[in-house]
Amino acid sequence: MLDPPPPGSLRTAAVTALELVAADPGAQRRGYRAEVGTATGPPGGSVVVDLATRYVVLARQPDGRWLVAADSPATPDLPAGED
């Protein structure tokens, strides 16, 4: 989901927004729109902040845990019905 930072830099990432956009009737799969914020820069220096939107599909495992089954590349928001 994230590329490595440039040499000599550090990168932190956090999910800044999460929205449920689809779920199957059996509650075994869910689709989310996730906004991920990153901060990249040298230790102790100024950072560059970036936001990316991803779409993630989670699948419920037999033991009840959720597994990321698919995710999209970084993309601008698409209107409903477009892919």
N, C-alpha and C. Protein backbone atom coordinates (compact mmCIF):
# COMPACT_ATOMS: atom_id res chain seq x y z
N MET A 1 0.82 -1.19 0.00
CA MET A 1 0.00 0.00 0.00
C MET A 1 0.86 1.26 0.00
N LEU A 2 2.02 1.19 0.66
CA LEU A 2 2.90 2.35 0.70
C LEU A 2 4.24 1.99 0.07
N ASP A 3 4.81 2.93 -0.65
CA ASP A 3 6.16 2.73 -1.16
C ASP A 3 7.16 3.12 -0.08
N PRO A 4 8.40 2.64 -0.17
CA PRO A 4 9.38 3.00 0.85
C PRO A 4 9.76 4.48 0.73
N PRO A 5 10.18 5.09 1.84
CA PRO A 5 10.60 6.49 1.78
C PRO A 5 11.96 6.60 1.09
N PRO A 6 12.32 7.79 0.64
CA PRO A 6 13.64 7.99 0.05
C PRO A 6 14.73 7.68 1.07
N PRO A 7 15.94 7.35 0.61
CA PRO A 7 17.04 7.09 1.53
C PRO A 7 17.25 8.28 2.49
N GLY A 8 17.46 7.99 3.77
CA GLY A 8 17.69 9.02 4.77
C GLY A 8 16.42 9.64 5.32
N SER A 9 15.25 9.16 4.88
CA SER A 9 13.98 9.70 5.36
C SER A 9 13.19 8.63 6.11
N LEU A 10 12.26 9.09 6.92
CA LEU A 10 11.33 8.22 7.62
C LEU A 10 9.93 8.51 7.11
N ARG A 11 9.04 7.53 7.19
CA ARG A 11 7.65 7.75 6.79
C ARG A 11 6.74 7.13 7.84
N THR A 12 5.74 7.91 8.24
CA THR A 12 4.69 7.39 9.11
C THR A 12 3.38 7.46 8.33
N ALA A 13 2.49 6.54 8.64
CA ALA A 13 1.19 6.50 7.96
C ALA A 13 0.09 6.26 8.98
N ALA A 14 -1.07 6.85 8.71
CA ALA A 14 -2.23 6.66 9.58
C ALA A 14 -3.49 6.72 8.73
N VAL A 15 -4.47 5.91 9.09
CA VAL A 15 -5.78 5.98 8.45
C VAL A 15 -6.48 7.20 9.06
N THR A 16 -6.82 8.18 8.21
CA THR A 16 -7.44 9.41 8.70
C THR A 16 -8.95 9.43 8.52
N ALA A 17 -9.48 8.51 7.69
CA ALA A 17 -10.93 8.40 7.51
C ALA A 17 -11.22 6.99 7.00
N LEU A 18 -12.36 6.45 7.42
CA LEU A 18 -12.78 5.12 7.00
C LEU A 18 -14.29 5.12 6.84
N GLU A 19 -14.75 4.73 5.66
CA GLU A 19 -16.18 4.74 5.37
C GLU A 19 -16.60 3.40 4.77
N LEU A 20 -17.58 2.75 5.38
CA LEU A 20 -18.13 1.51 4.84
C LEU A 20 -18.92 1.85 3.58
N VAL A 21 -18.59 1.21 2.45
CA VAL A 21 -19.28 1.51 1.20
C VAL A 21 -20.08 0.31 0.67
N ALA A 22 -19.78 -0.90 1.15
CA ALA A 22 -20.52 -2.08 0.69
C ALA A 22 -20.31 -3.22 1.67
N ALA A 23 -21.32 -4.09 1.77
CA ALA A 23 -21.22 -5.29 2.59
C ALA A 23 -22.11 -6.36 1.98
N ASP A 24 -21.67 -7.60 2.04
CA ASP A 24 -22.50 -8.68 1.51
C ASP A 24 -23.58 -9.04 2.53
N PRO A 25 -24.69 -9.63 2.09
CA PRO A 25 -25.78 -9.96 3.00
C PRO A 25 -25.38 -10.91 4.12
N GLY A 26 -24.41 -11.76 3.89
CA GLY A 26 -23.98 -12.72 4.91
C GLY A 26 -22.95 -12.17 5.88
N ALA A 27 -22.59 -10.90 5.74
CA ALA A 27 -21.62 -10.22 6.61
C ALA A 27 -20.25 -10.90 6.60
N GLN A 28 -19.87 -11.47 5.46
CA GLN A 28 -18.56 -12.12 5.34
C GLN A 28 -17.53 -11.26 4.61
N ARG A 29 -18.00 -10.26 3.87
CA ARG A 29 -17.10 -9.35 3.14
C ARG A 29 -17.62 -7.93 3.29
N ARG A 30 -16.69 -6.99 3.42
CA ARG A 30 -17.03 -5.57 3.52
C ARG A 30 -16.06 -4.77 2.68
N GLY A 31 -16.57 -3.71 2.07
CA GLY A 31 -15.73 -2.80 1.29
C GLY A 31 -15.70 -1.45 1.97
N TYR A 32 -14.52 -0.88 2.09
CA TYR A 32 -14.34 0.41 2.74
C TYR A 32 -13.59 1.37 1.83
N ARG A 33 -13.90 2.64 1.97
CA ARG A 33 -13.10 3.72 1.39
C ARG A 33 -12.23 4.23 2.53
N ALA A 34 -10.93 4.17 2.35
CA ALA A 34 -10.00 4.59 3.39
C ALA A 34 -9.16 5.75 2.90
N GLU A 35 -9.00 6.75 3.74
CA GLU A 35 -8.09 7.85 3.46
C GLU A 35 -6.86 7.62 4.33
N VAL A 36 -5.69 7.58 3.69
CA VAL A 36 -4.44 7.33 4.39
C VAL A 36 -3.57 8.56 4.29
N GLY A 37 -3.12 9.05 5.43
CA GLY A 37 -2.22 10.20 5.47
C GLY A 37 -0.81 9.72 5.75
N THR A 38 0.16 10.27 5.04
CA THR A 38 1.56 9.94 5.29
C THR A 38 2.35 11.22 5.56
N ALA A 39 3.38 11.08 6.36
CA ALA A 39 4.32 12.17 6.62
C ALA A 39 5.71 11.62 6.35
N THR A 40 6.46 12.27 5.46
CA THR A 40 7.77 11.78 5.04
C THR A 40 8.81 12.89 5.18
N GLY A 41 9.94 12.55 5.77
CA GLY A 41 11.02 13.51 5.89
C GLY A 41 12.19 12.94 6.66
N PRO A 42 13.29 13.68 6.72
CA PRO A 42 14.46 13.21 7.46
C PRO A 42 14.21 13.28 8.96
N PRO A 43 14.86 12.43 9.74
CA PRO A 43 14.69 12.48 11.20
C PRO A 43 14.97 13.88 11.74
N GLY A 44 14.02 14.44 12.48
CA GLY A 44 14.17 15.76 13.07
C GLY A 44 13.98 16.92 12.11
N GLY A 45 13.73 16.63 10.83
CA GLY A 45 13.57 17.70 9.83
C GLY A 45 12.11 17.95 9.49
N SER A 46 11.89 18.79 8.50
CA SER A 46 10.52 19.07 8.06
C SER A 46 9.99 17.88 7.26
N VAL A 47 8.68 17.71 7.29
CA VAL A 47 8.05 16.57 6.63
C VAL A 47 7.11 17.04 5.53
N VAL A 48 6.88 16.16 4.58
CA VAL A 48 5.89 16.38 3.52
C VAL A 48 4.71 15.49 3.85
N VAL A 49 3.52 16.09 3.91
CA VAL A 49 2.30 15.35 4.24
C VAL A 49 1.53 15.10 2.96
N ASP A 50 1.03 13.87 2.80
CA ASP A 50 0.28 13.49 1.61
C ASP A 50 -0.94 12.69 2.04
N LEU A 51 -2.04 12.84 1.32
CA LEU A 51 -3.25 12.05 1.56
C LEU A 51 -3.56 11.23 0.32
N ALA A 52 -3.93 9.98 0.51
CA ALA A 52 -4.31 9.11 -0.60
C ALA A 52 -5.58 8.38 -0.23
N THR A 53 -6.42 8.12 -1.21
CA THR A 53 -7.65 7.36 -1.00
C THR A 53 -7.45 5.96 -1.56
N ARG A 54 -7.84 4.97 -0.80
CA ARG A 54 -7.78 3.57 -1.22
C ARG A 54 -9.11 2.92 -0.94
N TYR A 55 -9.41 1.90 -1.71
CA TYR A 55 -10.59 1.08 -1.45
C TYR A 55 -10.09 -0.29 -1.02
N VAL A 56 -10.64 -0.79 0.08
CA VAL A 56 -10.15 -2.03 0.69
C VAL A 56 -11.33 -2.98 0.87
N VAL A 57 -11.11 -4.25 0.52
CA VAL A 57 -12.11 -5.30 0.76
C VAL A 57 -11.59 -6.20 1.87
N LEU A 58 -12.40 -6.37 2.92
CA LEU A 58 -12.06 -7.26 4.03
C LEU A 58 -12.93 -8.50 3.96
N ALA A 59 -12.34 -9.65 4.30
CA ALA A 59 -13.07 -10.92 4.33
C ALA A 59 -12.97 -11.50 5.74
N ARG A 60 -14.12 -11.93 6.28
CA ARG A 60 -14.13 -12.51 7.63
C ARG A 60 -13.59 -13.94 7.55
N GLN A 61 -12.66 -14.24 8.43
CA GLN A 61 -12.05 -15.57 8.49
C GLN A 61 -12.87 -16.47 9.42
N PRO A 62 -12.72 -17.79 9.31
CA PRO A 62 -13.49 -18.70 10.17
C PRO A 62 -13.34 -18.43 11.66
N ASP A 63 -12.18 -17.91 12.09
CA ASP A 63 -11.98 -17.62 13.51
C ASP A 63 -12.51 -16.24 13.92
N GLY A 64 -13.17 -15.52 12.98
CA GLY A 64 -13.78 -14.23 13.28
C GLY A 64 -12.91 -13.02 12.97
N ARG A 65 -11.62 -13.24 12.71
CA ARG A 65 -10.75 -12.12 12.36
C ARG A 65 -11.04 -11.67 10.93
N TRP A 66 -10.64 -10.42 10.60
CA TRP A 66 -10.81 -9.87 9.25
C TRP A 66 -9.47 -9.85 8.54
N LEU A 67 -9.46 -10.20 7.27
CA LEU A 67 -8.27 -10.23 6.43
C LEU A 67 -8.48 -9.29 5.25
N VAL A 68 -7.46 -8.51 4.90
CA VAL A 68 -7.54 -7.68 3.70
C VAL A 68 -7.47 -8.60 2.50
N ALA A 69 -8.55 -8.66 1.73
CA ALA A 69 -8.63 -9.54 0.56
C ALA A 69 -8.20 -8.83 -0.72
N ALA A 70 -8.38 -7.50 -0.77
CA ALA A 70 -8.00 -6.72 -1.96
C ALA A 70 -7.91 -5.26 -1.57
N ASP A 71 -7.05 -4.52 -2.28
CA ASP A 71 -7.02 -3.08 -2.11
C ASP A 71 -6.69 -2.45 -3.45
N SER A 72 -7.13 -1.21 -3.60
CA SER A 72 -6.93 -0.49 -4.86
C SER A 72 -5.64 0.30 -4.82
N PRO A 73 -5.14 0.69 -5.98
CA PRO A 73 -4.04 1.65 -5.98
C PRO A 73 -4.57 3.01 -5.53
N ALA A 74 -3.67 3.90 -5.16
CA ALA A 74 -4.09 5.26 -4.79
C ALA A 74 -4.83 5.87 -5.97
N THR A 75 -5.97 6.46 -5.70
CA THR A 75 -6.79 7.00 -6.77
C THR A 75 -7.65 8.14 -6.24
N PRO A 76 -7.97 9.09 -7.08
CA PRO A 76 -8.93 10.12 -6.65
C PRO A 76 -10.31 9.47 -6.49
N ASP A 77 -11.16 10.10 -5.73
CA ASP A 77 -12.51 9.57 -5.55
C ASP A 77 -13.21 9.44 -6.90
N LEU A 78 -13.88 8.32 -7.08
CA LEU A 78 -14.66 8.10 -8.29
C LEU A 78 -16.13 8.22 -7.95
N PRO A 79 -16.95 8.81 -8.82
CA PRO A 79 -18.38 8.84 -8.56
C PRO A 79 -18.93 7.42 -8.48
N ALA A 80 -20.00 7.23 -7.76
CA ALA A 80 -20.62 5.91 -7.62
C ALA A 80 -20.91 5.33 -8.99
N GLY A 81 -20.62 4.03 -9.16
CA GLY A 81 -20.90 3.34 -10.40
C GLY A 81 -19.76 3.34 -11.39
N GLU A 82 -18.71 4.11 -11.12
CA GLU A 82 -17.56 4.13 -12.03
C GLU A 82 -16.42 3.32 -11.42
N ASP A 83 -15.60 2.72 -12.28
CA ASP A 83 -14.43 2.01 -11.78
C ASP A 83 -13.28 2.13 -12.71
